[in-house]
Amino acid sequence: MPSFSLATLGGAPPLTLPSMRPLAVGLGGSALFGFALRTAVSHEGLSVTHLSWAFALPAVSVLSWALCLPALYILWATRHPNVGASHCVLAARDAFHTLGLCLASTTPILWFFAATAPGSQISSVLAFLFTSLALFSSVHAFVQALQHQGASLSGFPRLAFFCLHTITFAQCAHGAGLSLS
């Protein structure tokens, strides 16, 4: 007797859920950086505020993607009809993964300068630089993920999306009380 599976019935491929690992890495990396960021900015020991920053930075990151991605998709769908919303969401997941990796990898450096130069402003400058570079890297990862799916986002639209995402991230961070001063 032949065996049947859901994949062979109807000729559709089996349903697979996307991996949650990139999302977990993005959340964990940005939470770790948020905790270290509070240490670098406040120059104080462990407090409840550190935990609030550890929760706020991933929330700000997710919120900025949630606000920017529909705007990009609406404007972009007219130019690239073969790219659906699921392509954009998967690319954003990869970008968020890259953001978390970038932020987590710079956390030891931030902690080092916060511990060795507590009165200096170098920690705030480094935090701003690391966050800016991580945002740039995440948008670049987003564009690369879309290119792997057969779409392109180059030139002015890429720059405009990077600016939109960065401004949205900064506004959300300011609204959440994440300040480097």
C-alpha atoms as a PDB file:
ATOM      1  CA  MET A   1       0.000   0.000   0.000  1.00  0.00           C
ATOM      2  CA  PRO A   2       1.517   3.375  -0.982  1.00  0.00           C
ATOM      3  CA  SER A   3       2.118   5.907   1.754  1.00  0.00           C
ATOM      4  CA  PHE A   4       0.658   9.366   1.460  1.00  0.00           C
ATOM      5  CA  SER A   5       1.694  12.542   3.158  1.00  0.00           C
ATOM      6  CA  LEU A   6       0.356  16.031   3.121  1.00  0.00           C
ATOM      7  CA  ALA A   7       3.197  16.942   0.790  1.00  0.00           C
ATOM      8  CA  THR A   8       2.165  14.466  -1.889  1.00  0.00           C
ATOM      9  CA  LEU A   9      -1.546  15.189  -1.681  1.00  0.00           C
ATOM     10  CA  GLY A  10      -2.241  18.029  -4.048  1.00  0.00           C
ATOM     11  CA  GLY A  11       1.415  18.372  -5.018  1.00  0.00           C
ATOM     12  CA  ALA A  12       2.037  21.187  -2.539  1.00  0.00           C
ATOM     13  CA  PRO A  13       5.299  21.350  -0.609  1.00  0.00           C
ATOM     14  CA  PRO A  14       5.102  20.570   3.094  1.00  0.00           C
ATOM     15  CA  LEU A  15       4.331  23.408   5.444  1.00  0.00           C
ATOM     16  CA  THR A  16       7.445  24.546   7.239  1.00  0.00           C
ATOM     17  CA  LEU A  17       7.622  27.251   9.811  1.00  0.00           C
ATOM     18  CA  PRO A  18      10.453  29.769   9.642  1.00  0.00           C
ATOM     19  CA  SER A  19      13.209  29.353  12.173  1.00  0.00           C
ATOM     20  CA  MET A  20      12.804  31.387  15.343  1.00  0.00           C
ATOM     21  CA  ARG A  21      16.540  31.317  16.057  1.00  0.00           C
ATOM     22  CA  PRO A  22      17.348  34.544  14.149  1.00  0.00           C
ATOM     23  CA  LEU A  23      14.604  36.355  16.023  1.00  0.00           C
ATOM     24  CA  ALA A  24      15.852  35.027  19.361  1.00  0.00           C
ATOM     25  CA  VAL A  25      19.419  36.079  18.548  1.00  0.00           C
ATOM     26  CA  GLY A  26      18.209  39.540  17.558  1.00  0.00           C
ATOM     27  CA  LEU A  27      16.197  39.942  20.756  1.00  0.00           C
ATOM     28  CA  GLY A  28      18.958  38.564  22.975  1.00  0.00           C
ATOM     29  CA  GLY A  29      21.744  40.569  21.376  1.00  0.00           C
ATOM     30  CA  SER A  30      19.883  43.845  21.554  1.00  0.00           C
ATOM     31  CA  ALA A  31      18.787  43.122  25.147  1.00  0.00           C
ATOM     32  CA  LEU A  32      22.384  42.473  26.163  1.00  0.00           C
ATOM     33  CA  PHE A  33      23.475  45.683  24.471  1.00  0.00           C
ATOM     34  CA  GLY A  34      20.641  47.614  26.154  1.00  0.00           C
ATOM     35  CA  PHE A  35      21.828  46.377  29.548  1.00  0.00           C
ATOM     36  CA  ALA A  36      25.425  47.361  28.759  1.00  0.00           C
ATOM     37  CA  LEU A  37      24.291  50.677  27.323  1.00  0.00           C
ATOM     38  CA  ARG A  38      22.640  51.622  30.603  1.00  0.00           C
ATOM     39  CA  THR A  39      25.860  50.764  32.446  1.00  0.00           C
ATOM     40  CA  ALA A  40      27.939  52.840  30.040  1.00  0.00           C
ATOM     41  CA  VAL A  41      25.626  55.843  30.167  1.00  0.00           C
ATOM     42  CA  SER A  42      24.744  55.956  33.859  1.00  0.00           C
ATOM     43  CA  HIS A  43      28.064  54.760  35.323  1.00  0.00           C
ATOM     44  CA  GLU A  44      26.139  53.086  38.137  1.00  0.00           C
ATOM     45  CA  GLY A  45      25.810  49.561  39.425  1.00  0.00           C
ATOM     46  CA  LEU A  46      23.045  47.099  38.728  1.00  0.00           C
ATOM     47  CA  SER A  47      19.549  48.534  39.091  1.00  0.00           C
ATOM     48  CA  VAL A  48      16.013  47.953  37.868  1.00  0.00           C
ATOM     49  CA  THR A  49      16.628  50.579  35.196  1.00  0.00           C
ATOM     50  CA  HIS A  50      19.200  48.260  33.616  1.00  0.00           C
ATOM     51  CA  LEU A  51      16.501  45.646  33.103  1.00  0.00           C
ATOM     52  CA  SER A  52      14.111  48.202  31.664  1.00  0.00           C
ATOM     53  CA  TRP A  53      16.753  49.222  29.105  1.00  0.00           C
ATOM     54  CA  ALA A  54      17.392  45.533  28.358  1.00  0.00           C
ATOM     55  CA  PHE A  55      13.694  45.145  27.507  1.00  0.00           C
ATOM     56  CA  ALA A  56      13.273  48.535  25.842  1.00  0.00           C
ATOM     57  CA  LEU A  57      16.044  48.283  23.236  1.00  0.00           C
ATOM     58  CA  PRO A  58      14.699  45.081  21.608  1.00  0.00           C
ATOM     59  CA  ALA A  59      11.183  46.524  21.752  1.00  0.00           C
ATOM     60  CA  VAL A  60      12.373  49.712  20.044  1.00  0.00           C
ATOM     61  CA  SER A  61      14.135  47.656  17.380  1.00  0.00           C
ATOM     62  CA  VAL A  62      11.059  45.556  16.639  1.00  0.00           C
ATOM     63  CA  LEU A  63       8.819  48.632  16.668  1.00  0.00           C
ATOM     64  CA  SER A  64      11.023  50.505  14.214  1.00  0.00           C
ATOM     65  CA  TRP A  65      10.917  47.558  11.795  1.00  0.00           C
ATOM     66  CA  ALA A  66       7.157  47.211  12.277  1.00  0.00           C
ATOM     67  CA  LEU A  67       6.679  50.880  11.388  1.00  0.00           C
ATOM     68  CA  CYS A  68       9.100  51.055   8.454  1.00  0.00           C
ATOM     69  CA  LEU A  69       8.450  47.761   6.705  1.00  0.00           C
ATOM     70  CA  PRO A  70       4.828  48.467   5.632  1.00  0.00           C
ATOM     71  CA  ALA A  71       5.839  51.852   4.226  1.00  0.00           C
ATOM     72  CA  LEU A  72       8.600  50.253   2.179  1.00  0.00           C
ATOM     73  CA  TYR A  73       6.379  47.404   1.034  1.00  0.00           C
ATOM     74  CA  ILE A  74       3.537  49.649  -0.114  1.00  0.00           C
ATOM     75  CA  LEU A  75       5.855  51.842  -2.184  1.00  0.00           C
ATOM     76  CA  TRP A  76       7.951  48.949  -3.402  1.00  0.00           C
ATOM     77  CA  ALA A  77       5.178  46.492  -4.328  1.00  0.00           C
ATOM     78  CA  THR A  78       4.310  48.556  -7.384  1.00  0.00           C
ATOM     79  CA  ARG A  79       7.863  48.202  -8.741  1.00  0.00           C
ATOM     80  CA  HIS A  80       8.427  44.529  -7.851  1.00  0.00           C
ATOM     81  CA  PRO A  81       5.180  42.559  -8.074  1.00  0.00           C
ATOM     82  CA  ASN A  82       7.008  39.230  -7.639  1.00  0.00           C
ATOM     83  CA  VAL A  83       8.063  40.096  -4.081  1.00  0.00           C
ATOM     84  CA  GLY A  84       5.374  39.486  -1.508  1.00  0.00           C
ATOM     85  CA  ALA A  85       4.965  40.587   2.063  1.00  0.00           C
ATOM     86  CA  SER A  86       6.398  37.279   3.288  1.00  0.00           C
ATOM     87  CA  HIS A  87       9.649  38.013   1.444  1.00  0.00           C
ATOM     88  CA  CYS A  88       9.918  41.357   3.208  1.00  0.00           C
ATOM     89  CA  VAL A  89       9.119  39.850   6.614  1.00  0.00           C
ATOM     90  CA  LEU A  90      11.756  37.127   6.202  1.00  0.00           C
ATOM     91  CA  ALA A  91      14.297  39.714   5.067  1.00  0.00           C
ATOM     92  CA  ALA A  92      13.430  41.876   8.095  1.00  0.00           C
ATOM     93  CA  ARG A  93      13.919  38.844  10.342  1.00  0.00           C
ATOM     94  CA  ASP A  94      17.393  38.349   8.870  1.00  0.00           C
ATOM     95  CA  ALA A  95      18.121  42.044   9.334  1.00  0.00           C
ATOM     96  CA  PHE A  96      17.003  41.912  12.964  1.00  0.00           C
ATOM     97  CA  HIS A  97      19.287  38.896  13.446  1.00  0.00           C
ATOM     98  CA  THR A  98      22.201  40.929  12.066  1.00  0.00           C
ATOM     99  CA  LEU A  99      21.335  43.849  14.350  1.00  0.00           C
ATOM    100  CA  GLY A 100      21.391  41.572  17.389  1.00  0.00           C
ATOM    101  CA  LEU A 101      24.706  40.012  16.382  1.00  0.00           C
ATOM    102  CA  CYS A 102      26.322  43.404  15.772  1.00  0.00           C
ATOM    103  CA  LEU A 103      25.115  44.831  19.071  1.00  0.00           C
ATOM    104  CA  ALA A 104      26.042  41.727  21.080  1.00  0.00           C
ATOM    105  CA  SER A 105      29.528  41.632  19.573  1.00  0.00           C
ATOM    106  CA  THR A 106      30.247  45.211  20.646  1.00  0.00           C
ATOM    107  CA  THR A 107      28.895  44.799  24.186  1.00  0.00           C
ATOM    108  CA  PRO A 108      32.250  43.677  25.729  1.00  0.00           C
ATOM    109  CA  ILE A 109      33.973  46.751  24.294  1.00  0.00           C
ATOM    110  CA  LEU A 110      31.277  49.001  25.718  1.00  0.00           C
ATOM    111  CA  TRP A 111      31.554  47.341  29.121  1.00  0.00           C
ATOM    112  CA  PHE A 112      35.342  47.632  29.047  1.00  0.00           C
ATOM    113  CA  PHE A 113      35.260  51.379  28.509  1.00  0.00           C
ATOM    114  CA  ALA A 114      32.452  51.821  31.027  1.00  0.00           C
ATOM    115  CA  ALA A 115      34.555  50.003  33.635  1.00  0.00           C
ATOM    116  CA  THR A 116      37.938  51.539  32.855  1.00  0.00           C
ATOM    117  CA  ALA A 117      36.871  55.104  32.123  1.00  0.00           C
ATOM    118  CA  PRO A 118      33.676  55.683  34.122  1.00  0.00           C
ATOM    119  CA  GLY A 119      33.917  59.478  34.092  1.00  0.00           C
ATOM    120  CA  SER A 120      34.669  59.730  30.393  1.00  0.00           C
ATOM    121  CA  GLN A 121      32.206  60.401  27.587  1.00  0.00           C
ATOM    122  CA  ILE A 122      33.913  57.793  25.393  1.00  0.00           C
ATOM    123  CA  SER A 123      31.286  55.197  26.351  1.00  0.00           C
ATOM    124  CA  SER A 124      28.454  57.359  25.039  1.00  0.00           C
ATOM    125  CA  VAL A 125      30.313  58.072  21.814  1.00  0.00           C
ATOM    126  CA  LEU A 126      31.080  54.386  21.322  1.00  0.00           C
ATOM    127  CA  ALA A 127      27.469  53.436  22.084  1.00  0.00           C
ATOM    128  CA  PHE A 128      26.238  55.883  19.446  1.00  0.00           C
ATOM    129  CA  LEU A 129      28.799  54.643  16.917  1.00  0.00           C
ATOM    130  CA  PHE A 130      28.079  50.946  17.584  1.00  0.00           C
ATOM    131  CA  THR A 131      24.325  51.475  17.356  1.00  0.00           C
ATOM    132  CA  SER A 132      24.651  53.447  14.117  1.00  0.00           C
ATOM    133  CA  LEU A 133      26.869  50.808  12.535  1.00  0.00           C
ATOM    134  CA  ALA A 134      24.521  48.039  13.668  1.00  0.00           C
ATOM    135  CA  LEU A 135      21.551  49.850  12.111  1.00  0.00           C
ATOM    136  CA  PHE A 136      23.483  50.291   8.865  1.00  0.00           C
ATOM    137  CA  SER A 137      24.452  46.607   8.903  1.00  0.00           C
ATOM    138  CA  SER A 138      20.892  45.502   9.517  1.00  0.00           C
ATOM    139  CA  VAL A 139      19.560  47.508   6.570  1.00  0.00           C
ATOM    140  CA  HIS A 140      22.368  46.092   4.428  1.00  0.00           C
ATOM    141  CA  ALA A 141      21.428  42.555   5.552  1.00  0.00           C
ATOM    142  CA  PHE A 142      17.807  43.352   4.670  1.00  0.00           C
ATOM    143  CA  VAL A 143      18.814  44.395   1.157  1.00  0.00           C
ATOM    144  CA  GLN A 144      21.043  41.315   0.751  1.00  0.00           C
ATOM    145  CA  ALA A 145      18.232  38.998   1.876  1.00  0.00           C
ATOM    146  CA  LEU A 146      15.903  40.570  -0.672  1.00  0.00           C
ATOM    147  CA  GLN A 147      18.516  40.157  -3.386  1.00  0.00           C
ATOM    148  CA  HIS A 148      18.789  36.447  -2.550  1.00  0.00           C
ATOM    149  CA  GLN A 149      15.039  36.260  -3.162  1.00  0.00           C
ATOM    150  CA  GLY A 150      15.330  37.897  -6.568  1.00  0.00           C
ATOM    151  CA  ALA A 151      14.510  41.503  -5.729  1.00  0.00           C
ATOM    152  CA  SER A 152      16.681  44.565  -5.704  1.00  0.00           C
ATOM    153  CA  LEU A 153      16.716  47.662  -3.582  1.00  0.00           C
ATOM    154  CA  SER A 154      19.578  49.856  -4.690  1.00  0.00           C
ATOM    155  CA  GLY A 155      20.603  53.449  -4.981  1.00  0.00           C
ATOM    156  CA  PHE A 156      18.280  56.121  -3.684  1.00  0.00           C
ATOM    157  CA  PRO A 157      15.537  53.770  -2.372  1.00  0.00           C
ATOM    158  CA  ARG A 158      18.138  51.958  -0.238  1.00  0.00           C
ATOM    159  CA  LEU A 159      19.437  55.236   1.170  1.00  0.00           C
ATOM    160  CA  ALA A 160      15.904  56.504   1.767  1.00  0.00           C
ATOM    161  CA  PHE A 161      14.948  53.301   3.590  1.00  0.00           C
ATOM    162  CA  PHE A 162      18.104  53.479   5.724  1.00  0.00           C
ATOM    163  CA  CYS A 163      17.295  57.079   6.682  1.00  0.00           C
ATOM    164  CA  LEU A 164      13.661  56.218   7.400  1.00  0.00           C
ATOM    165  CA  HIS A 165      14.642  53.250   9.567  1.00  0.00           C
ATOM    166  CA  THR A 166      17.325  55.202  11.452  1.00  0.00           C
ATOM    167  CA  ILE A 167      15.055  58.174  12.145  1.00  0.00           C
ATOM    168  CA  THR A 168      12.239  55.877  13.236  1.00  0.00           C
ATOM    169  CA  PHE A 169      14.614  53.962  15.524  1.00  0.00           C
ATOM    170  CA  ALA A 170      15.900  57.220  17.046  1.00  0.00           C
ATOM    171  CA  GLN A 171      12.369  58.551  17.602  1.00  0.00           C
ATOM    172  CA  CYS A 172      11.232  55.290  19.200  1.00  0.00           C
ATOM    173  CA  ALA A 173      14.340  55.179  21.403  1.00  0.00           C
ATOM    174  CA  HIS A 174      13.784  58.762  22.496  1.00  0.00           C
ATOM    175  CA  GLY A 175      10.146  58.016  23.228  1.00  0.00           C
ATOM    176  CA  ALA A 176      11.140  54.973  25.301  1.00  0.00           C
ATOM    177  CA  GLY A 177      13.561  57.075  27.351  1.00  0.00           C
ATOM    178  CA  LEU A 178      16.748  55.563  25.955  1.00  0.00           C
ATOM    179  CA  SER A 179      19.052  58.533  25.946  1.00  0.00           C
ATOM    180  CA  LEU A 180      22.837  58.716  25.779  1.00  0.00           C
ATOM    181  CA  SER A 181      23.028  61.831  27.913  1.00  0.00           C
END
